[in-house]
Every structure is written in structure tokens, then in C-alpha cells.
Protein backbone atom coordinates (compact mmCIF):
# COMPACT_ATOMS: atom_id res chain seq x y z
CA UNK A 1 -63.35 -18.77 2.00
CA UNK A 2 -61.60 -15.46 2.62
CA UNK A 3 -57.98 -14.63 1.88
CA UNK A 4 -56.19 -11.65 3.35
CA UNK A 5 -52.60 -10.46 3.01
CA UNK A 6 -50.71 -9.32 6.09
CA UNK A 7 -47.81 -6.91 6.28
CA UNK A 8 -45.39 -9.61 7.43
CA UNK A 9 -45.36 -11.42 4.09
CA UNK A 10 -47.52 -14.36 5.16
CA UNK A 11 -50.85 -15.30 3.67
CA UNK A 12 -53.60 -16.25 6.03
CA UNK A 13 -56.41 -18.49 4.88
CA UNK A 14 -59.51 -18.96 6.94
CA UNK A 15 -61.70 -21.95 6.40
CA UNK A 16 -64.20 -23.16 8.95
CA UNK A 17 -62.48 -21.29 11.79
CA UNK A 18 -59.22 -23.21 11.20
CA UNK A 19 -56.26 -20.95 10.57
CA UNK A 20 -53.45 -21.92 8.26
CA UNK A 21 -50.42 -19.62 7.91
CA UNK A 22 -48.11 -19.93 4.94
CA UNK A 23 -44.90 -17.93 5.03
CA UNK A 24 -43.40 -16.65 1.83
CA UNK A 25 -39.60 -17.03 1.68
CA UNK A 26 -37.79 -13.74 1.43
CA UNK A 27 -34.89 -13.25 -0.93
CA UNK A 28 -31.62 -12.77 0.92
CA UNK A 29 -28.71 -11.01 -0.69
CA UNK A 30 -25.24 -12.34 -0.09
CA UNK A 31 -22.78 -9.91 1.40
CA UNK A 32 -19.84 -9.12 -0.81
CA UNK A 33 -16.55 -10.22 0.75
CA UNK A 34 -14.32 -7.27 1.55
CA UNK A 35 -10.57 -7.37 1.92
CA UNK A 36 -8.94 -6.25 5.13
CA UNK A 37 -7.49 -3.26 3.29
CA UNK A 38 -10.88 -2.08 2.10
CA UNK A 39 -12.39 -2.57 5.57
CA UNK A 40 -9.63 -0.43 7.05
CA UNK A 41 -9.83 2.08 4.16
CA UNK A 42 -6.16 1.61 3.26
CA UNK A 43 -4.64 1.55 -0.20
CA UNK A 44 -1.66 -0.68 0.68
CA UNK A 45 -2.30 -4.41 1.01
CA UNK A 46 -2.58 -5.64 4.60
CA UNK A 47 -2.38 -9.26 3.44
CA UNK A 48 1.00 -8.75 1.77
CA UNK A 49 2.51 -7.13 4.84
CA UNK A 50 1.00 -9.85 7.03
CA UNK A 51 2.53 -12.52 4.79
CA UNK A 52 5.95 -10.83 4.96
CA UNK A 53 5.71 -10.63 8.76
CA UNK A 54 4.75 -14.27 9.18
CA UNK A 55 6.83 -16.00 6.50
CA UNK A 56 9.73 -13.57 6.36
CA UNK A 57 10.84 -14.53 9.86
CA UNK A 58 10.65 -10.91 10.97
CA UNK A 59 8.88 -11.90 14.16
CA UNK A 60 10.55 -14.46 16.41
CA UNK A 61 7.36 -16.08 17.68
CA UNK A 62 3.79 -15.11 16.91
CA UNK A 63 2.23 -12.21 15.07
CA UNK A 64 -0.99 -10.61 16.29
CA UNK A 65 -3.91 -10.42 13.89
CA UNK A 66 -4.00 -6.65 14.09
CA UNK A 67 -0.23 -6.10 13.90
CA UNK A 68 -0.19 -6.14 10.13
CA UNK A 69 -3.11 -3.69 9.97
CA UNK A 70 -1.34 -1.27 12.32
CA UNK A 71 1.96 -1.59 10.45
CA UNK A 72 0.26 -1.06 7.08
CA UNK A 73 -1.51 2.07 8.32
CA UNK A 74 1.77 3.43 9.69
CA UNK A 75 3.70 2.76 6.47
CA UNK A 76 0.92 4.28 4.37
CA UNK A 77 0.88 7.42 6.53
CA UNK A 78 4.65 7.89 6.21
CA UNK A 79 4.58 7.29 2.44
CA UNK A 80 1.74 9.79 1.96
CA UNK A 81 3.64 12.38 4.00
CA UNK A 82 6.84 11.90 1.98
CA UNK A 83 4.99 12.07 -1.35
CA UNK A 84 3.08 15.19 -0.30
CA UNK A 85 6.32 16.96 0.62
CA UNK A 86 8.08 15.69 -2.53
CA UNK A 87 5.18 16.99 -4.62
CA UNK A 88 5.62 20.43 -3.07
CA UNK A 89 9.35 20.35 -3.88
CA UNK A 90 8.59 19.29 -7.47
CA UNK A 91 6.13 22.19 -7.87
CA UNK A 92 8.75 24.65 -6.60
CA UNK A 93 11.16 23.31 -9.21
CA UNK A 94 8.46 23.60 -11.90
CA UNK A 95 8.49 19.87 -12.58
CA UNK A 96 5.49 17.67 -13.32
CA UNK A 97 7.21 14.49 -12.15
CA UNK A 98 8.50 13.56 -8.73
CA UNK A 99 12.10 12.40 -9.03
CA UNK A 100 14.39 10.77 -6.51
CA UNK A 101 16.05 14.14 -5.95
CA UNK A 102 12.68 15.64 -4.90
CA UNK A 103 12.16 12.81 -2.41
CA UNK A 104 15.65 13.29 -0.98
CA UNK A 105 15.09 17.05 -0.61
CA UNK A 106 11.71 16.49 1.04
CA UNK A 107 13.23 14.09 3.56
CA UNK A 108 16.19 16.40 4.22
CA UNK A 109 13.99 19.43 4.95
CA UNK A 110 11.73 17.59 7.43
CA UNK A 111 13.31 17.09 10.86
CA UNK A 112 11.37 13.94 11.80
CA UNK A 113 11.85 12.21 8.46
CA UNK A 114 15.49 13.20 8.40
CA UNK A 115 16.06 11.50 11.76
CA UNK A 116 14.52 8.26 10.50
CA UNK A 117 15.60 8.27 6.86
CA UNK A 118 18.65 10.53 6.93
CA UNK A 119 21.19 7.76 6.30
CA UNK A 120 19.10 5.84 3.77
CA UNK A 121 20.50 5.83 0.25
CA UNK A 122 18.02 5.92 -2.59
CA UNK A 123 19.15 4.12 -5.73
CA UNK A 124 19.00 5.70 -9.14
CA UNK A 125 19.42 4.40 -12.66
CA UNK A 126 21.26 7.57 -13.70
CA UNK A 127 24.06 7.35 -11.15
CA UNK A 128 26.62 4.75 -12.23
CA UNK A 129 29.44 4.02 -9.81
CA UNK A 130 32.95 4.42 -11.24
CA UNK A 131 34.75 1.31 -12.45
CA UNK A 132 37.93 0.59 -10.53
CA UNK A 133 41.19 0.70 -12.48
CA UNK A 134 42.33 -2.78 -11.48
CA UNK A 135 39.20 -4.29 -13.12
CA UNK A 136 40.00 -2.76 -16.50
CA UNK A 137 42.35 -4.27 -19.03
CA UNK A 138 45.61 -2.49 -19.91
CA UNK A 139 44.13 -1.09 -23.15
CA UNK A 140 41.08 0.25 -21.33
CA UNK A 141 43.29 1.86 -18.67
CA UNK A 142 45.29 3.68 -21.37
CA UNK A 143 42.07 4.95 -23.01
CA UNK A 144 40.82 6.20 -19.67
CA UNK A 145 44.10 8.04 -18.96
CA UNK A 146 44.01 9.67 -22.40
CA UNK A 147 40.40 10.73 -21.87
CA UNK A 148 41.16 12.22 -18.44
CA UNK A 149 44.23 14.04 -19.72
CA UNK A 150 42.14 15.78 -22.43
CA UNK A 151 39.82 17.25 -19.81
């Protein structure tokens, strides 16, 4: 009896001119599941934007499967552009942090961004709107008048 090994992974045994082929099972590796964002090489989540489009009633009827991918790529491109310009403004001002003021200046100096985002107000924790006089009590109104008269 002779035994020989072939390149295909099967073992062939010859006995009395009868051939018997036995195949050896190969080990298959499972493919790792990738998110739509990683397939598209985006850092923002496509699934979140898709969920907002579908369940947020932003679209009247149906939403295409690729609409959320396209919208995510567009939003990510605009955000990267704004942050790049805001970073340049922060470096000019010798600051290590990007503040809301840097973002506003970056948008104001770019013609395209200014057309789209020119009338958008960016909130800030530092800016507190003034309290109206009619909301204050009489004592608080007197204190405010005294404080303003000292200035």
C-alpha cells in the first residue's frame, strides 16, 4: 500500500488499483463585521444619521439606503473644514484651544460658509442674557439701579 500527499490537501490511498480520495477540511476564518461608517472610512456614525432621518420624520416618505451615507459624508466634510479654519484662527491668536469665537471668525471669513451659516447663532455658557426689569422684585430693581448709577 502506498500513500502520497497531493498539493490540494487530499490524501490519496492506492490499494489494488482502487482509488479512494479523502479530503481534509480546511479551516475557514469568519469575517469580522464592519460598520457602515468603517466601510465608508467616516468618523461620524452613519447609523445615527440614518435613524434620525427615518424616525425623526425628516423625510415625508421613504429614505434611500445610501442617503444617510451621503449625508454623513457631507456633514463630516463641512465639520472638518470649519475645524481646520478655526484651528488656524486659534493659532493666529496664540491659543491652544478652539473656542466658539474662533469658530465664528472662521465662518465669517469664509464666503461659502458665511452664506450657509451666517445667520446661525452659536450658544455659549459665558454669555448670559440680561434679566428684564419686570421679572425682578422691587428690592432687586432698586439694587440694580444703585449698581448702574455707581458706574
